[in-house]
């Protein structure tokens, strides 16, 4: 493994654990047992490092989603599996990381969105297209528009300022916000499958 990949993976763990603002290049260098100069030889600044981390996360998430899709009988089963993984993922993530991303790094998110390299942007389109082919999602929906809507619904569902964890559980928010949105683009076949997997997940 080269230094770039090592730095990205270690930074990802530290950002997720402590938040972006709290992690300095000195801390990262000490954690890795390398000099700060070595990091700056690979990344110009922390924003460039964060961009590298997010792109790497995108690749990892695509691998997970591809695996889930290949192993699932239908797209609704795949979505529930992905949602369960996402909830576990966010439980292990520091609220500070999410807050830092939301408040201080919107320019990085916007740049990644523009080139379709933000986690779940491209991956979500694959899910929607498969759902249409399986007769689970309606044929009259626009994939790109629904993709953006589903991403915004997912983000809102995970927004701790809108749904603080001391008032709402993750499962309640997902069921009432994301799953109900999903019902709106489903055929009767899709609605029946959602009812089936809702019972299984209770």
C-alpha atoms as a PDB file:
ATOM      1  CA  UNK A   1       0.000   0.000   0.000  1.00  0.00           C
ATOM      2  CA  UNK A   2       1.417   3.408  -0.977  1.00  0.00           C
ATOM      3  CA  UNK A   3       1.551   6.432   1.327  1.00  0.00           C
ATOM      4  CA  UNK A   4      -1.425   8.122  -0.357  1.00  0.00           C
ATOM      5  CA  UNK A   5      -3.751   5.202   0.339  1.00  0.00           C
ATOM      6  CA  UNK A   6      -2.427   4.740   3.876  1.00  0.00           C
ATOM      7  CA  UNK A   7      -2.966   8.431   4.652  1.00  0.00           C
ATOM      8  CA  UNK A   8      -6.494   8.396   3.203  1.00  0.00           C
ATOM      9  CA  UNK A   9      -7.549   5.325   5.185  1.00  0.00           C
ATOM     10  CA  UNK A  10      -6.098   6.571   8.472  1.00  0.00           C
ATOM     11  CA  UNK A  11      -7.582  10.041   7.949  1.00  0.00           C
ATOM     12  CA  UNK A  12     -10.989   8.465   7.240  1.00  0.00           C
ATOM     13  CA  UNK A  13     -10.919   6.656  10.596  1.00  0.00           C
ATOM     14  CA  UNK A  14      -9.815   9.770  12.491  1.00  0.00           C
ATOM     15  CA  UNK A  15     -12.314  12.099  10.781  1.00  0.00           C
ATOM     16  CA  UNK A  16     -15.155   9.685  11.504  1.00  0.00           C
ATOM     17  CA  UNK A  17     -14.058   9.279  15.139  1.00  0.00           C
ATOM     18  CA  UNK A  18     -13.168  12.837  16.163  1.00  0.00           C
ATOM     19  CA  UNK A  19     -14.631  15.101  13.465  1.00  0.00           C
ATOM     20  CA  UNK A  20     -12.772  16.980  10.741  1.00  0.00           C
ATOM     21  CA  UNK A  21     -11.927  20.163  12.641  1.00  0.00           C
ATOM     22  CA  UNK A  22     -10.492  18.264  15.589  1.00  0.00           C
ATOM     23  CA  UNK A  23      -8.006  16.298  13.464  1.00  0.00           C
ATOM     24  CA  UNK A  24      -4.815  18.160  12.590  1.00  0.00           C
ATOM     25  CA  UNK A  25      -2.104  17.117  10.182  1.00  0.00           C
ATOM     26  CA  UNK A  26       0.209  16.777  13.210  1.00  0.00           C
ATOM     27  CA  UNK A  27      -2.221  14.351  14.867  1.00  0.00           C
ATOM     28  CA  UNK A  28      -2.520  12.334  11.675  1.00  0.00           C
ATOM     29  CA  UNK A  29       1.255  12.199  11.231  1.00  0.00           C
ATOM     30  CA  UNK A  30       1.781  11.101  14.852  1.00  0.00           C
ATOM     31  CA  UNK A  31      -0.908   8.431  14.542  1.00  0.00           C
ATOM     32  CA  UNK A  32       0.767   7.037  11.428  1.00  0.00           C
ATOM     33  CA  UNK A  33       4.316   7.384  12.697  1.00  0.00           C
ATOM     34  CA  UNK A  34       5.378   9.555   9.763  1.00  0.00           C
ATOM     35  CA  UNK A  35       6.385  13.189   9.380  1.00  0.00           C
ATOM     36  CA  UNK A  36       3.892  15.930   8.599  1.00  0.00           C
ATOM     37  CA  UNK A  37       6.058  16.790   5.617  1.00  0.00           C
ATOM     38  CA  UNK A  38       5.339  13.359   4.137  1.00  0.00           C
ATOM     39  CA  UNK A  39       1.602  14.109   4.241  1.00  0.00           C
ATOM     40  CA  UNK A  40       2.096  17.498   2.580  1.00  0.00           C
ATOM     41  CA  UNK A  41       4.106  15.859  -0.179  1.00  0.00           C
ATOM     42  CA  UNK A  42       0.924  13.958  -1.106  1.00  0.00           C
ATOM     43  CA  UNK A  43      -1.837  16.440  -0.179  1.00  0.00           C
ATOM     44  CA  UNK A  44      -1.622  20.233  -0.401  1.00  0.00           C
ATOM     45  CA  UNK A  45      -4.010  20.819   2.508  1.00  0.00           C
ATOM     46  CA  UNK A  46      -6.715  19.203   4.627  1.00  0.00           C
ATOM     47  CA  UNK A  47      -9.470  20.017   2.120  1.00  0.00           C
ATOM     48  CA  UNK A  48      -7.635  18.056  -0.568  1.00  0.00           C
ATOM     49  CA  UNK A  49      -7.175  15.203   1.898  1.00  0.00           C
ATOM     50  CA  UNK A  50     -10.881  15.270   2.801  1.00  0.00           C
ATOM     51  CA  UNK A  51     -11.797  15.193  -0.891  1.00  0.00           C
ATOM     52  CA  UNK A  52      -9.578  12.108  -1.279  1.00  0.00           C
ATOM     53  CA  UNK A  53     -11.255  10.471   1.712  1.00  0.00           C
ATOM     54  CA  UNK A  54     -14.752  11.078   0.312  1.00  0.00           C
ATOM     55  CA  UNK A  55     -13.816   9.735  -3.116  1.00  0.00           C
ATOM     56  CA  UNK A  56     -12.360   6.623  -1.479  1.00  0.00           C
ATOM     57  CA  UNK A  57     -15.557   6.214   0.557  1.00  0.00           C
ATOM     58  CA  UNK A  58     -17.526   6.408  -2.699  1.00  0.00           C
ATOM     59  CA  UNK A  59     -15.548   3.502  -4.158  1.00  0.00           C
ATOM     60  CA  UNK A  60     -15.982   1.445  -0.986  1.00  0.00           C
ATOM     61  CA  UNK A  61     -19.709   2.131  -0.867  1.00  0.00           C
ATOM     62  CA  UNK A  62     -20.118   1.172  -4.525  1.00  0.00           C
ATOM     63  CA  UNK A  63     -18.436  -2.162  -3.785  1.00  0.00           C
ATOM     64  CA  UNK A  64     -20.824  -2.772  -0.875  1.00  0.00           C
ATOM     65  CA  UNK A  65     -23.895  -1.794  -2.903  1.00  0.00           C
ATOM     66  CA  UNK A  66     -22.840  -3.943  -5.878  1.00  0.00           C
ATOM     67  CA  UNK A  67     -22.407  -6.905  -3.526  1.00  0.00           C
ATOM     68  CA  UNK A  68     -25.813  -6.328  -1.900  1.00  0.00           C
ATOM     69  CA  UNK A  69     -27.550  -5.973  -5.278  1.00  0.00           C
ATOM     70  CA  UNK A  70     -25.962  -9.166  -6.564  1.00  0.00           C
ATOM     71  CA  UNK A  71     -27.042 -11.097  -3.472  1.00  0.00           C
ATOM     72  CA  UNK A  72     -30.613  -9.709  -3.244  1.00  0.00           C
ATOM     73  CA  UNK A  73     -33.702 -11.281  -4.806  1.00  0.00           C
ATOM     74  CA  UNK A  74     -35.210  -7.872  -5.585  1.00  0.00           C
ATOM     75  CA  UNK A  75     -34.446  -4.182  -5.243  1.00  0.00           C
ATOM     76  CA  UNK A  76     -36.607  -3.711  -2.124  1.00  0.00           C
ATOM     77  CA  UNK A  77     -34.653  -6.411  -0.293  1.00  0.00           C
ATOM     78  CA  UNK A  78     -31.458  -4.660  -1.425  1.00  0.00           C
ATOM     79  CA  UNK A  79     -32.671  -1.268  -0.177  1.00  0.00           C
ATOM     80  CA  UNK A  80     -33.530  -2.617   3.275  1.00  0.00           C
ATOM     81  CA  UNK A  81     -30.126  -4.297   3.485  1.00  0.00           C
ATOM     82  CA  UNK A  82     -28.377  -1.071   2.469  1.00  0.00           C
ATOM     83  CA  UNK A  83     -30.437   0.984   4.943  1.00  0.00           C
ATOM     84  CA  UNK A  84     -29.499  -1.369   7.781  1.00  0.00           C
ATOM     85  CA  UNK A  85     -25.815  -1.070   6.845  1.00  0.00           C
ATOM     86  CA  UNK A  86     -26.109   2.723   6.633  1.00  0.00           C
ATOM     87  CA  UNK A  87     -27.664   2.947  10.092  1.00  0.00           C
ATOM     88  CA  UNK A  88     -24.823   0.886  11.555  1.00  0.00           C
ATOM     89  CA  UNK A  89     -22.351   3.068   9.661  1.00  0.00           C
ATOM     90  CA  UNK A  90     -23.805   6.309  11.041  1.00  0.00           C
ATOM     91  CA  UNK A  91     -23.989   4.918  14.582  1.00  0.00           C
ATOM     92  CA  UNK A  92     -20.211   4.498  14.534  1.00  0.00           C
ATOM     93  CA  UNK A  93     -19.659   7.988  13.102  1.00  0.00           C
ATOM     94  CA  UNK A  94     -18.977  10.987  15.320  1.00  0.00           C
ATOM     95  CA  UNK A  95     -21.743  13.628  15.198  1.00  0.00           C
ATOM     96  CA  UNK A  96     -18.881  16.130  14.893  1.00  0.00           C
ATOM     97  CA  UNK A  97     -17.918  14.678  11.501  1.00  0.00           C
ATOM     98  CA  UNK A  98     -21.427  15.126  10.147  1.00  0.00           C
ATOM     99  CA  UNK A  99     -21.662  18.638  11.601  1.00  0.00           C
ATOM    100  CA  UNK A 100     -18.289  19.672  10.163  1.00  0.00           C
ATOM    101  CA  UNK A 101     -19.280  18.394   6.722  1.00  0.00           C
ATOM    102  CA  UNK A 102     -22.562  20.259   6.843  1.00  0.00           C
ATOM    103  CA  UNK A 103     -21.271  23.584   8.147  1.00  0.00           C
ATOM    104  CA  UNK A 104     -17.736  23.969   6.842  1.00  0.00           C
ATOM    105  CA  UNK A 105     -17.150  21.789   3.804  1.00  0.00           C
ATOM    106  CA  UNK A 106     -20.105  22.421   1.502  1.00  0.00           C
ATOM    107  CA  UNK A 107     -17.743  23.517  -1.285  1.00  0.00           C
ATOM    108  CA  UNK A 108     -16.124  20.069  -1.339  1.00  0.00           C
ATOM    109  CA  UNK A 109     -19.525  18.360  -1.371  1.00  0.00           C
ATOM    110  CA  UNK A 110     -20.684  20.627  -4.220  1.00  0.00           C
ATOM    111  CA  UNK A 111     -17.569  19.874  -6.285  1.00  0.00           C
ATOM    112  CA  UNK A 112     -18.024  16.115  -5.803  1.00  0.00           C
ATOM    113  CA  UNK A 113     -21.716  16.391  -6.714  1.00  0.00           C
ATOM    114  CA  UNK A 114     -20.818  18.231  -9.926  1.00  0.00           C
ATOM    115  CA  UNK A 115     -18.642  15.320 -11.070  1.00  0.00           C
ATOM    116  CA  UNK A 116     -20.983  12.664  -9.624  1.00  0.00           C
ATOM    117  CA  UNK A 117     -18.390  11.443  -7.106  1.00  0.00           C
ATOM    118  CA  UNK A 118     -20.357  11.988  -3.930  1.00  0.00           C
ATOM    119  CA  UNK A 119     -21.235   8.742  -2.128  1.00  0.00           C
ATOM    120  CA  UNK A 120     -24.524   7.240  -3.340  1.00  0.00           C
ATOM    121  CA  UNK A 121     -25.128   9.655  -6.279  1.00  0.00           C
ATOM    122  CA  UNK A 122     -24.288   7.169  -9.038  1.00  0.00           C
ATOM    123  CA  UNK A 123     -24.991   4.091  -6.928  1.00  0.00           C
ATOM    124  CA  UNK A 124     -28.555   5.221  -6.280  1.00  0.00           C
ATOM    125  CA  UNK A 125     -29.319   5.534  -9.999  1.00  0.00           C
ATOM    126  CA  UNK A 126     -28.428   1.859 -10.456  1.00  0.00           C
ATOM    127  CA  UNK A 127     -30.912   0.923  -7.730  1.00  0.00           C
ATOM    128  CA  UNK A 128     -33.720   2.995  -9.262  1.00  0.00           C
ATOM    129  CA  UNK A 129     -33.101   1.621 -12.767  1.00  0.00           C
ATOM    130  CA  UNK A 130     -33.142  -1.943 -11.459  1.00  0.00           C
ATOM    131  CA  UNK A 131     -36.393  -1.251  -9.602  1.00  0.00           C
ATOM    132  CA  UNK A 132     -38.023  -0.065 -12.830  1.00  0.00           C
ATOM    133  CA  UNK A 133     -36.845  -3.169 -14.717  1.00  0.00           C
ATOM    134  CA  UNK A 134     -38.215  -5.426 -11.968  1.00  0.00           C
ATOM    135  CA  UNK A 135     -41.614  -3.698 -12.118  1.00  0.00           C
ATOM    136  CA  UNK A 136     -41.170  -2.482  -8.543  1.00  0.00           C
ATOM    137  CA  UNK A 137     -40.837   1.233  -9.349  1.00  0.00           C
ATOM    138  CA  UNK A 138     -43.161   3.002 -11.773  1.00  0.00           C
ATOM    139  CA  UNK A 139     -41.970   3.369 -15.370  1.00  0.00           C
ATOM    140  CA  UNK A 140     -43.125   6.994 -15.610  1.00  0.00           C
ATOM    141  CA  UNK A 141     -40.564   8.335 -13.103  1.00  0.00           C
ATOM    142  CA  UNK A 142     -37.476  10.295 -14.181  1.00  0.00           C
ATOM    143  CA  UNK A 143     -34.417   8.433 -12.842  1.00  0.00           C
ATOM    144  CA  UNK A 144     -32.188  11.493 -12.391  1.00  0.00           C
ATOM    145  CA  UNK A 145     -34.885  13.565 -10.678  1.00  0.00           C
ATOM    146  CA  UNK A 146     -35.955  10.724  -8.380  1.00  0.00           C
ATOM    147  CA  UNK A 147     -32.291   9.995  -7.618  1.00  0.00           C
ATOM    148  CA  UNK A 148     -31.740  13.551  -6.376  1.00  0.00           C
ATOM    149  CA  UNK A 149     -34.991  13.480  -4.402  1.00  0.00           C
ATOM    150  CA  UNK A 150     -34.124  10.176  -2.735  1.00  0.00           C
ATOM    151  CA  UNK A 151     -30.672  11.480  -1.809  1.00  0.00           C
ATOM    152  CA  UNK A 152     -32.160  14.595  -0.226  1.00  0.00           C
ATOM    153  CA  UNK A 153     -34.722  12.490   1.667  1.00  0.00           C
ATOM    154  CA  UNK A 154     -31.892  10.224   2.895  1.00  0.00           C
ATOM    155  CA  UNK A 155     -29.830  13.235   3.993  1.00  0.00           C
ATOM    156  CA  UNK A 156     -32.793  14.781   5.791  1.00  0.00           C
ATOM    157  CA  UNK A 157     -33.470  11.456   7.523  1.00  0.00           C
ATOM    158  CA  UNK A 158     -29.913  11.516   8.878  1.00  0.00           C
ATOM    159  CA  UNK A 159     -29.927  15.208   9.878  1.00  0.00           C
ATOM    160  CA  UNK A 160     -29.541  15.254  13.664  1.00  0.00           C
ATOM    161  CA  UNK A 161     -30.676  18.880  13.863  1.00  0.00           C
ATOM    162  CA  UNK A 162     -34.026  17.984  12.269  1.00  0.00           C
ATOM    163  CA  UNK A 163     -34.345  14.612  14.014  1.00  0.00           C
ATOM    164  CA  UNK A 164     -32.296  14.682  17.257  1.00  0.00           C
ATOM    165  CA  UNK A 165     -31.490  11.209  18.543  1.00  0.00           C
ATOM    166  CA  UNK A 166     -32.924  11.945  21.992  1.00  0.00           C
ATOM    167  CA  UNK A 167     -36.379  12.375  20.412  1.00  0.00           C
ATOM    168  CA  UNK A 168     -36.346  10.074  17.377  1.00  0.00           C
ATOM    169  CA  UNK A 169     -34.838   6.653  16.716  1.00  0.00           C
ATOM    170  CA  UNK A 170     -33.089   5.966  13.408  1.00  0.00           C
ATOM    171  CA  UNK A 171     -35.588   3.242  12.515  1.00  0.00           C
ATOM    172  CA  UNK A 172     -38.575   5.531  13.180  1.00  0.00           C
ATOM    173  CA  UNK A 173     -37.157   8.277  10.988  1.00  0.00           C
ATOM    174  CA  UNK A 174     -36.245   5.909   8.150  1.00  0.00           C
ATOM    175  CA  UNK A 175     -39.671   4.262   8.226  1.00  0.00           C
ATOM    176  CA  UNK A 176     -41.660   7.503   8.366  1.00  0.00           C
ATOM    177  CA  UNK A 177     -39.585   9.583   5.963  1.00  0.00           C
ATOM    178  CA  UNK A 178     -37.576   7.447   3.542  1.00  0.00           C
ATOM    179  CA  UNK A 179     -39.849   4.382   3.292  1.00  0.00           C
ATOM    180  CA  UNK A 180     -42.955   6.512   2.838  1.00  0.00           C
ATOM    181  CA  UNK A 181     -41.219   8.424   0.045  1.00  0.00           C
ATOM    182  CA  UNK A 182     -40.288   5.081  -1.512  1.00  0.00           C
ATOM    183  CA  UNK A 183     -43.939   4.031  -1.482  1.00  0.00           C
ATOM    184  CA  UNK A 184     -44.769   7.004  -3.675  1.00  0.00           C
ATOM    185  CA  UNK A 185     -42.681   5.716  -6.602  1.00  0.00           C
ATOM    186  CA  UNK A 186     -43.693   2.057  -6.232  1.00  0.00           C
ATOM    187  CA  UNK A 187     -46.047  -0.083  -8.261  1.00  0.00           C
ATOM    188  CA  UNK A 188     -48.444  -2.382  -6.412  1.00  0.00           C
ATOM    189  CA  UNK A 189     -45.755  -5.075  -6.591  1.00  0.00           C
ATOM    190  CA  UNK A 190     -43.321  -2.716  -4.876  1.00  0.00           C
ATOM    191  CA  UNK A 191     -45.854  -1.764  -2.204  1.00  0.00           C
ATOM    192  CA  UNK A 192     -46.472  -5.426  -1.425  1.00  0.00           C
ATOM    193  CA  UNK A 193     -42.723  -6.040  -1.081  1.00  0.00           C
ATOM    194  CA  UNK A 194     -42.304  -3.034   1.226  1.00  0.00           C
ATOM    195  CA  UNK A 195     -45.110  -4.366   3.461  1.00  0.00           C
ATOM    196  CA  UNK A 196     -43.362  -7.751   3.505  1.00  0.00           C
ATOM    197  CA  UNK A 197     -39.943  -6.360   4.477  1.00  0.00           C
ATOM    198  CA  UNK A 198     -41.456  -3.945   6.993  1.00  0.00           C
ATOM    199  CA  UNK A 199     -42.888  -6.943   8.836  1.00  0.00           C
ATOM    200  CA  UNK A 200     -39.553  -8.761   8.661  1.00  0.00           C
ATOM    201  CA  UNK A 201     -37.667  -5.749  10.053  1.00  0.00           C
ATOM    202  CA  UNK A 202     -39.955  -5.164  13.041  1.00  0.00           C
END
